[in-house]
Every structure is written in structure tokens, then in C-alpha cells.
């Protein structure tokens, strides 16, 4: 089954989204900042917050040393939204 065919997971707290307590505490500040900034700019809290994890693989070649250094960077994007109207 393709990932696109699977249902989108929905979480209501960070501890179930991030597996370890330390990780969820680290991310809590980021999510709180996102909600505060959204509320400050738009005058209301976001209805939904979406997270899209990802990674980028880079390969660096150092001609002076004659070696290749691979690098893998993990990142995730976080988006907060509030619908302007309901359909």
C-alpha cells in the first residue's frame, strides 16, 4: 500500500506524536511559539496545526582531500491554519 493511500494520522498531544518525553518537551516550546505568533498576528488560535517531516541527503566532495562526505539532515515543517469560513 502506498503512503498516499493510508489515512492521515491525527494527534491531540505532543507526547503521542514524539516518542520520548524529552523530545516532546523540546518540541513543545516550538509549538507554543507557533500558536502564540499565530494568535498575535490573526487574533485567534489556530484550528489545526500540521507537521510534515522530511530529510535531505547531501553529498560533499572535497577535491583537496580526495574524499566524499555524505550528510543527512532531518527537518520538519509546521503549519498552523484557521479556516475563514465553513462550507
PDB file of N, CA and C in Angstrom:
ATOM      1  N   UNK A   1       0.837  -1.175   0.000  1.00  0.00           N
ATOM      2  CA  UNK A   1       0.000   0.000   0.000  1.00  0.00           C
ATOM      3  C   UNK A   1       0.890   1.249   0.000  1.00  0.00           C
ATOM      4  N   UNK A   2       0.549   2.206  -0.828  1.00  0.00           N
ATOM      5  CA  UNK A   2       1.280   3.471  -0.878  1.00  0.00           C
ATOM      6  C   UNK A   2       0.953   4.328   0.333  1.00  0.00           C
ATOM      7  N   UNK A   3       1.905   5.149   0.750  1.00  0.00           N
ATOM      8  CA  UNK A   3       1.642   6.051   1.874  1.00  0.00           C
ATOM      9  C   UNK A   3       0.483   6.983   1.574  1.00  0.00           C
ATOM     10  N   UNK A   4       0.344   7.393   0.309  1.00  0.00           N
ATOM     11  CA  UNK A   4      -0.747   8.297  -0.068  1.00  0.00           C
ATOM     12  C   UNK A   4      -2.108   7.651   0.111  1.00  0.00           C
ATOM     13  N   UNK A   5      -2.167   6.325   0.136  1.00  0.00           N
ATOM     14  CA  UNK A   5      -3.434   5.617   0.312  1.00  0.00           C
ATOM     15  C   UNK A   5      -3.800   5.409   1.779  1.00  0.00           C
ATOM     16  N   UNK A   6      -2.864   5.664   2.676  1.00  0.00           N
ATOM     17  CA  UNK A   6      -3.110   5.466   4.095  1.00  0.00           C
ATOM     18  C   UNK A   6      -3.761   6.701   4.697  1.00  0.00           C
ATOM     19  N   UNK A   7      -4.567   6.531   5.750  1.00  0.00           N
ATOM     20  CA  UNK A   7      -5.178   7.704   6.388  1.00  0.00           C
ATOM     21  C   UNK A   7      -4.134   8.585   7.058  1.00  0.00           C
ATOM     22  N   UNK A   8      -4.414   9.869   7.117  1.00  0.00           N
ATOM     23  CA  UNK A   8      -3.518  10.822   7.763  1.00  0.00           C
ATOM     24  C   UNK A   8      -3.665  10.670   9.276  1.00  0.00           C
ATOM     25  N   UNK A   9      -2.553  10.448   9.994  1.00  0.00           N
ATOM     26  CA  UNK A   9      -2.657  10.318  11.454  1.00  0.00           C
ATOM     27  C   UNK A   9      -2.991  11.662  12.102  1.00  0.00           C
ATOM     28  N   UNK A  10      -3.815  11.610  13.123  1.00  0.00           N
ATOM     29  CA  UNK A  10      -4.203  12.813  13.864  1.00  0.00           C
ATOM     30  C   UNK A  10      -3.798  12.617  15.322  1.00  0.00           C
ATOM     31  N   UNK A  11      -3.088  13.601  15.864  1.00  0.00           N
ATOM     32  CA  UNK A  11      -2.638  13.559  17.256  1.00  0.00           C
ATOM     33  C   UNK A  11      -3.234  14.747  18.001  1.00  0.00           C
ATOM     34  N   UNK A  12      -3.531  14.535  19.265  1.00  0.00           N
ATOM     35  CA  UNK A  12      -4.077  15.629  20.077  1.00  0.00           C
ATOM     36  C   UNK A  12      -3.105  16.114  21.139  1.00  0.00           C
ATOM     37  N   UNK A  13      -1.958  15.446  21.272  1.00  0.00           N
ATOM     38  CA  UNK A  13      -0.931  15.924  22.193  1.00  0.00           C
ATOM     39  C   UNK A  13       0.442  15.530  21.670  1.00  0.00           C
ATOM     40  N   UNK A  14       1.457  16.249  22.112  1.00  0.00           N
ATOM     41  CA  UNK A  14       2.811  16.042  21.602  1.00  0.00           C
ATOM     42  C   UNK A  14       3.442  14.742  22.079  1.00  0.00           C
ATOM     43  N   UNK A  15       3.029  14.232  23.237  1.00  0.00           N
ATOM     44  CA  UNK A  15       3.665  13.018  23.760  1.00  0.00           C
ATOM     45  C   UNK A  15       3.374  11.801  22.895  1.00  0.00           C
ATOM     46  N   UNK A  16       2.235  11.769  22.211  1.00  0.00           N
ATOM     47  CA  UNK A  16       1.968  10.647  21.309  1.00  0.00           C
ATOM     48  C   UNK A  16       2.607  10.875  19.939  1.00  0.00           C
ATOM     49  N   UNK A  17       2.818  12.124  19.564  1.00  0.00           N
ATOM     50  CA  UNK A  17       3.470  12.426  18.289  1.00  0.00           C
ATOM     51  C   UNK A  17       4.964  12.140  18.354  1.00  0.00           C
ATOM     52  N   UNK A  18       5.607  12.609  19.417  1.00  0.00           N
ATOM     53  CA  UNK A  18       7.030  12.381  19.618  1.00  0.00           C
ATOM     54  C   UNK A  18       7.169  11.272  20.650  1.00  0.00           C
ATOM     55  N   UNK A  19       7.972  10.272  20.365  1.00  0.00           N
ATOM     56  CA  UNK A  19       8.001   9.061  21.175  1.00  0.00           C
ATOM     57  C   UNK A  19       8.544   9.241  22.590  1.00  0.00           C
ATOM     58  N   UNK A  20       9.540  10.074  22.783  1.00  0.00           N
ATOM     59  CA  UNK A  20      10.129  10.202  24.119  1.00  0.00           C
ATOM     60  C   UNK A  20       9.699  11.508  24.785  1.00  0.00           C
ATOM     61  N   UNK A  21       9.652  11.495  26.096  1.00  0.00           N
ATOM     62  CA  UNK A  21       9.246  12.682  26.850  1.00  0.00           C
ATOM     63  C   UNK A  21      10.205  13.833  26.609  1.00  0.00           C
ATOM     64  N   UNK A  22      11.503  13.555  26.572  1.00  0.00           N
ATOM     65  CA  UNK A  22      12.485  14.610  26.326  1.00  0.00           C
ATOM     66  C   UNK A  22      12.278  15.266  24.979  1.00  0.00           C
ATOM     67  N   UNK A  23      11.995  14.478  23.983  1.00  0.00           N
ATOM     68  CA  UNK A  23      11.762  15.014  22.643  1.00  0.00           C
ATOM     69  C   UNK A  23      10.499  15.870  22.616  1.00  0.00           C
ATOM     70  N   UNK A  24       9.428  15.424  23.265  1.00  0.00           N
ATOM     71  CA  UNK A  24       8.190  16.198  23.246  1.00  0.00           C
ATOM     72  C   UNK A  24       8.349  17.512  24.008  1.00  0.00           C
ATOM     73  N   UNK A  25       9.156  17.520  25.071  1.00  0.00           N
ATOM     74  CA  UNK A  25       9.402  18.770  25.788  1.00  0.00           C
ATOM     75  C   UNK A  25      10.199  19.746  24.926  1.00  0.00           C
ATOM     76  N   UNK A  26      11.159  19.217  24.158  1.00  0.00           N
ATOM     77  CA  UNK A  26      11.941  20.075  23.266  1.00  0.00           C
ATOM     78  C   UNK A  26      11.058  20.709  22.192  1.00  0.00           C
ATOM     79  N   UNK A  27      10.117  19.956  21.667  1.00  0.00           N
ATOM     80  CA  UNK A  27       9.250  20.459  20.611  1.00  0.00           C
ATOM     81  C   UNK A  27       8.101  21.321  21.146  1.00  0.00           C
ATOM     82  N   UNK A  28       7.756  21.166  22.419  1.00  0.00           N
ATOM     83  CA  UNK A  28       6.639  21.915  22.994  1.00  0.00           C
ATOM     84  C   UNK A  28       6.859  23.419  22.889  1.00  0.00           C
ATOM     85  N   UNK A  29       8.080  23.878  23.121  1.00  0.00           N
ATOM     86  CA  UNK A  29       8.372  25.310  23.026  1.00  0.00           C
ATOM     87  C   UNK A  29       8.160  25.813  21.602  1.00  0.00           C
ATOM     88  N   UNK A  30       8.574  25.021  20.625  1.00  0.00           N
ATOM     89  CA  UNK A  30       8.385  25.404  19.218  1.00  0.00           C
ATOM     90  C   UNK A  30       6.902  25.515  18.864  1.00  0.00           C
ATOM     91  N   UNK A  31       6.118  24.541  19.308  1.00  0.00           N
ATOM     92  CA  UNK A  31       4.681  24.556  19.008  1.00  0.00           C
ATOM     93  C   UNK A  31       3.986  25.696  19.750  1.00  0.00           C
ATOM     94  N   UNK A  32       4.374  25.942  21.005  1.00  0.00           N
ATOM     95  CA  UNK A  32       3.786  27.055  21.768  1.00  0.00           C
ATOM     96  C   UNK A  32       4.100  28.391  21.103  1.00  0.00           C
ATOM     97  N   UNK A  33       5.325  28.547  20.624  1.00  0.00           N
ATOM     98  CA  UNK A  33       5.711  29.773  19.921  1.00  0.00           C
ATOM     99  C   UNK A  33       4.877  29.946  18.661  1.00  0.00           C
ATOM    100  N   UNK A  34       4.649  28.871  17.938  1.00  0.00           N
ATOM    101  CA  UNK A  34       3.829  28.919  16.728  1.00  0.00           C
ATOM    102  C   UNK A  34       2.413  29.393  17.044  1.00  0.00           C
ATOM    103  N   UNK A  35       1.805  28.851  18.085  1.00  0.00           N
ATOM    104  CA  UNK A  35       0.437  29.233  18.460  1.00  0.00           C
ATOM    105  C   UNK A  35       0.398  30.683  18.931  1.00  0.00           C
ATOM    106  N   UNK A  36       1.375  31.097  19.738  1.00  0.00           N
ATOM    107  CA  UNK A  36       1.405  32.489  20.211  1.00  0.00           C
ATOM    108  C   UNK A  36       1.552  33.470  19.046  1.00  0.00           C
ATOM    109  N   UNK A  37       2.444  33.175  18.115  1.00  0.00           N
ATOM    110  CA  UNK A  37       2.654  34.055  16.963  1.00  0.00           C
ATOM    111  C   UNK A  37       1.423  34.106  16.072  1.00  0.00           C
ATOM    112  N   UNK A  38       0.785  32.957  15.852  1.00  0.00           N
ATOM    113  CA  UNK A  38      -0.434  32.914  15.054  1.00  0.00           C
ATOM    114  C   UNK A  38      -1.530  33.754  15.714  1.00  0.00           C
ATOM    115  N   UNK A  39      -1.705  33.580  17.022  1.00  0.00           N
ATOM    116  CA  UNK A  39      -2.723  34.323  17.765  1.00  0.00           C
ATOM    117  C   UNK A  39      -2.426  35.820  17.742  1.00  0.00           C
ATOM    118  N   UNK A  40      -1.173  36.180  17.868  1.00  0.00           N
ATOM    119  CA  UNK A  40      -0.775  37.589  17.833  1.00  0.00           C
ATOM    120  C   UNK A  40      -1.097  38.214  16.476  1.00  0.00           C
ATOM    121  N   UNK A  41      -0.788  37.504  15.406  1.00  0.00           N
ATOM    122  CA  UNK A  41      -0.980  38.051  14.054  1.00  0.00           C
ATOM    123  C   UNK A  41      -2.429  38.048  13.592  1.00  0.00           C
ATOM    124  N   UNK A  42      -3.193  37.001  13.965  1.00  0.00           N
ATOM    125  CA  UNK A  42      -4.541  36.844  13.421  1.00  0.00           C
ATOM    126  C   UNK A  42      -5.658  37.008  14.449  1.00  0.00           C
ATOM    127  N   UNK A  43      -5.306  37.214  15.721  1.00  0.00           N
ATOM    128  CA  UNK A  43      -6.306  37.483  16.742  1.00  0.00           C
ATOM    129  C   UNK A  43      -7.113  36.277  17.181  1.00  0.00           C
ATOM    130  N   UNK A  44      -6.708  35.101  16.856  1.00  0.00           N
ATOM    131  CA  UNK A  44      -7.382  33.862  17.266  1.00  0.00           C
ATOM    132  C   UNK A  44      -6.394  32.708  17.210  1.00  0.00           C
ATOM    133  N   UNK A  45      -6.702  31.660  17.928  1.00  0.00           N
ATOM    134  CA  UNK A  45      -5.834  30.477  17.922  1.00  0.00           C
ATOM    135  C   UNK A  45      -6.052  29.686  16.641  1.00  0.00           C
ATOM    136  N   UNK A  46      -5.028  28.962  16.199  1.00  0.00           N
ATOM    137  CA  UNK A  46      -5.220  28.134  15.005  1.00  0.00           C
ATOM    138  C   UNK A  46      -6.163  26.967  15.293  1.00  0.00           C
ATOM    139  N   UNK A  47      -6.939  26.600  14.301  1.00  0.00           N
ATOM    140  CA  UNK A  47      -7.833  25.452  14.431  1.00  0.00           C
ATOM    141  C   UNK A  47      -7.054  24.155  14.255  1.00  0.00           C
ATOM    142  N   UNK A  48      -6.112  24.155  13.324  1.00  0.00           N
ATOM    143  CA  UNK A  48      -5.313  22.975  13.035  1.00  0.00           C
ATOM    144  C   UNK A  48      -3.836  23.356  12.976  1.00  0.00           C
ATOM    145  N   UNK A  49      -3.013  22.407  13.355  1.00  0.00           N
ATOM    146  CA  UNK A  49      -1.564  22.537  13.172  1.00  0.00           C
ATOM    147  C   UNK A  49      -1.123  21.267  12.456  1.00  0.00           C
ATOM    148  N   UNK A  50      -0.446  21.430  11.331  1.00  0.00           N
ATOM    149  CA  UNK A  50       0.020  20.289  10.550  1.00  0.00           C
ATOM    150  C   UNK A  50       1.537  20.236  10.580  1.00  0.00           C
ATOM    151  N   UNK A  51       2.059  19.025  10.598  1.00  0.00           N
ATOM    152  CA  UNK A  51       3.505  18.806  10.624  1.00  0.00           C
ATOM    153  C   UNK A  51       3.874  17.886   9.475  1.00  0.00           C
ATOM    154  N   UNK A  52       4.911  18.256   8.731  1.00  0.00           N
ATOM    155  CA  UNK A  52       5.383  17.442   7.614  1.00  0.00           C
ATOM    156  C   UNK A  52       6.854  17.119   7.825  1.00  0.00           C
ATOM    157  N   UNK A  53       7.166  15.893   8.263  1.00  0.00           N
ATOM    158  CA  UNK A  53       8.569  15.532   8.463  1.00  0.00           C
ATOM    159  C   UNK A  53       9.261  15.276   7.128  1.00  0.00           C
ATOM    160  N   UNK A  54      10.565  15.384   7.135  1.00  0.00           N
ATOM    161  CA  UNK A  54      11.327  15.121   5.918  1.00  0.00           C
ATOM    162  C   UNK A  54      12.802  15.022   6.206  1.00  0.00           C
ATOM    163  N   UNK A  55      13.567  14.778   5.154  1.00  0.00           N
ATOM    164  CA  UNK A  55      15.017  14.738   5.286  1.00  0.00           C
ATOM    165  C   UNK A  55      15.637  15.088   3.941  1.00  0.00           C
ATOM    166  N   UNK A  56      16.853  15.584   3.999  1.00  0.00           N
ATOM    167  CA  UNK A  56      17.602  15.955   2.802  1.00  0.00           C
ATOM    168  C   UNK A  56      18.947  15.251   2.870  1.00  0.00           C
ATOM    169  N   UNK A  57      19.292  14.575   1.784  1.00  0.00           N
ATOM    170  CA  UNK A  57      20.588  13.895   1.722  1.00  0.00           C
ATOM    171  C   UNK A  57      21.500  14.720   0.828  1.00  0.00           C
ATOM    172  N   UNK A  58      22.659  15.075   1.347  1.00  0.00           N
ATOM    173  CA  UNK A  58      23.641  15.856   0.603  1.00  0.00           C
ATOM    174  C   UNK A  58      24.954  15.078   0.542  1.00  0.00           C
ATOM    175  N   UNK A  59      25.667  15.251  -0.541  1.00  0.00           N
ATOM    176  CA  UNK A  59      26.982  14.630  -0.681  1.00  0.00           C
ATOM    177  C   UNK A  59      27.978  15.744  -0.993  1.00  0.00           C
ATOM    178  N   UNK A  60      29.005  15.859  -0.181  1.00  0.00           N
ATOM    179  CA  UNK A  60      30.030  16.870  -0.355  1.00  0.00           C
ATOM    180  C   UNK A  60      31.319  16.210  -0.842  1.00  0.00           C
ATOM    181  N   UNK A  61      31.893  16.776  -1.870  1.00  0.00           N
ATOM    182  CA  UNK A  61      33.162  16.276  -2.399  1.00  0.00           C
ATOM    183  C   UNK A  61      34.249  17.303  -2.096  1.00  0.00           C
ATOM    184  N   UNK A  62      35.318  16.846  -1.465  1.00  0.00           N
ATOM    185  CA  UNK A  62      36.433  17.715  -1.120  1.00  0.00           C
ATOM    186  C   UNK A  62      37.607  17.379  -2.031  1.00  0.00           C
ATOM    187  N   UNK A  63      37.813  18.160  -3.115  1.00  0.00           N
ATOM    188  CA  UNK A  63      38.855  17.814  -4.089  1.00  0.00           C
ATOM    189  C   UNK A  63      40.269  17.836  -3.517  1.00  0.00           C
ATOM    190  N   UNK A  64      40.521  18.672  -2.530  1.00  0.00           N
ATOM    191  CA  UNK A  64      41.871  18.749  -1.967  1.00  0.00           C
ATOM    192  C   UNK A  64      42.222  17.490  -1.183  1.00  0.00           C
ATOM    193  N   UNK A  65      41.196  16.897  -0.567  1.00  0.00           N
ATOM    194  CA  UNK A  65      41.436  15.715   0.257  1.00  0.00           C
ATOM    195  C   UNK A  65      41.110  14.428  -0.482  1.00  0.00           C
ATOM    196  N   UNK A  66      40.374  14.540  -1.614  1.00  0.00           N
ATOM    197  CA  UNK A  66      40.032  13.369  -2.405  1.00  0.00           C
ATOM    198  C   UNK A  66      39.023  12.452  -1.753  1.00  0.00           C
ATOM    199  N   UNK A  67      38.170  13.008  -0.907  1.00  0.00           N
ATOM    200  CA  UNK A  67      37.164  12.151  -0.281  1.00  0.00           C
ATOM    201  C   UNK A  67      35.758  12.741  -0.439  1.00  0.00           C
ATOM    202  N   UNK A  68      34.790  11.905  -0.183  1.00  0.00           N
ATOM    203  CA  UNK A  68      33.383  12.301  -0.268  1.00  0.00           C
ATOM    204  C   UNK A  68      32.787  12.171   1.128  1.00  0.00           C
ATOM    205  N   UNK A  69      32.040  13.184   1.528  1.00  0.00           N
ATOM    206  CA  UNK A  69      31.418  13.183   2.844  1.00  0.00           C
ATOM    207  C   UNK A  69      29.898  13.279   2.699  1.00  0.00           C
ATOM    208  N   UNK A  70      29.177  12.183   2.935  1.00  0.00           N
ATOM    209  CA  UNK A  70      27.712  12.263   2.866  1.00  0.00           C
ATOM    210  C   UNK A  70      27.148  12.894   4.132  1.00  0.00           C
ATOM    211  N   UNK A  71      26.038  13.550   3.983  1.00  0.00           N
ATOM    212  CA  UNK A  71      25.381  14.202   5.109  1.00  0.00           C
ATOM    213  C   UNK A  71      23.880  14.004   4.978  1.00  0.00           C
ATOM    214  N   UNK A  72      23.223  13.739   6.083  1.00  0.00           N
ATOM    215  CA  UNK A  72      21.777  13.573   6.095  1.00  0.00           C
ATOM    216  C   UNK A  72      21.203  14.534   7.120  1.00  0.00           C
ATOM    217  N   UNK A  73      20.345  15.432   6.672  1.00  0.00           N
ATOM    218  CA  UNK A  73      19.754  16.432   7.549  1.00  0.00           C
ATOM    219  C   UNK A  73      18.272  16.156   7.699  1.00  0.00           C
ATOM    220  N   UNK A  74      17.815  16.063   8.934  1.00  0.00           N
ATOM    221  CA  UNK A  74      16.390  15.858   9.204  1.00  0.00           C
ATOM    222  C   UNK A  74      15.746  17.199   9.531  1.00  0.00           C
ATOM    223  N   UNK A  75      14.548  17.399   9.066  1.00  0.00           N
ATOM    224  CA  UNK A  75      13.819  18.625   9.344  1.00  0.00           C
ATOM    225  C   UNK A  75      12.333  18.311   9.323  1.00  0.00           C
ATOM    226  N   UNK A  76      11.536  19.237   9.792  1.00  0.00           N
ATOM    227  CA  UNK A  76      10.095  19.123   9.629  1.00  0.00           C
ATOM    228  C   UNK A  76       9.502  20.510   9.563  1.00  0.00           C
ATOM    229  N   UNK A  77       8.473  20.633   8.790  1.00  0.00           N
ATOM    230  CA  UNK A  77       7.770  21.900   8.629  1.00  0.00           C
ATOM    231  C   UNK A  77       6.497  21.850   9.459  1.00  0.00           C
ATOM    232  N   UNK A  78       6.166  22.961  10.079  1.00  0.00           N
ATOM    233  CA  UNK A  78       4.958  23.048  10.878  1.00  0.00           C
ATOM    234  C   UNK A  78       4.103  24.188  10.336  1.00  0.00           C
ATOM    235  N   UNK A  79       2.828  23.923  10.145  1.00  0.00           N
ATOM    236  CA  UNK A  79       1.905  24.891   9.569  1.00  0.00           C
ATOM    237  C   UNK A  79       0.685  25.001  10.467  1.00  0.00           C
ATOM    238  N   UNK A  80       0.264  26.221  10.771  1.00  0.00           N
ATOM    239  CA  UNK A  80      -0.957  26.423  11.539  1.00  0.00           C
ATOM    240  C   UNK A  80      -1.982  27.126  10.666  1.00  0.00           C
ATOM    241  N   UNK A  81      -3.240  26.730  10.788  1.00  0.00           N
ATOM    242  CA  UNK A  81      -4.283  27.287   9.942  1.00  0.00           C
ATOM    243  C   UNK A  81      -5.566  27.522  10.718  1.00  0.00           C
ATOM    244  N   UNK A  82      -6.361  28.445  10.201  1.00  0.00           N
ATOM    245  CA  UNK A  82      -7.687  28.716  10.712  1.00  0.00           C
ATOM    246  C   UNK A  82      -8.579  28.974   9.504  1.00  0.00           C
ATOM    247  N   UNK A  83      -9.647  28.202   9.331  1.00  0.00           N
ATOM    248  CA  UNK A  83     -10.497  28.417   8.154  1.00  0.00           C
ATOM    249  C   UNK A  83     -11.219  29.769   8.222  1.00  0.00           C
ATOM    250  N   UNK A  84     -11.300  30.460   7.092  1.00  0.00           N
ATOM    251  CA  UNK A  84     -12.000  31.736   7.049  1.00  0.00           C
ATOM    252  C   UNK A  84     -13.506  31.553   7.112  1.00  0.00           C
ATOM    253  N   UNK A  85     -13.995  30.450   6.576  1.00  0.00           N
ATOM    254  CA  UNK A  85     -15.427  30.147   6.660  1.00  0.00           C
ATOM    255  C   UNK A  85     -15.606  28.651   6.605  1.00  0.00           C
ATOM    256  N   UNK A  86     -16.759  28.201   7.005  1.00  0.00           N
ATOM    257  CA  UNK A  86     -17.062  26.768   6.928  1.00  0.00           C
ATOM    258  C   UNK A  86     -17.956  26.521   5.738  1.00  0.00           C
ATOM    259  N   UNK A  87     -17.764  25.384   5.121  1.00  0.00           N
ATOM    260  CA  UNK A  87     -18.555  25.059   3.934  1.00  0.00           C
ATOM    261  C   UNK A  87     -19.750  24.226   4.326  1.00  0.00           C
TER     262      UNK A  87
END
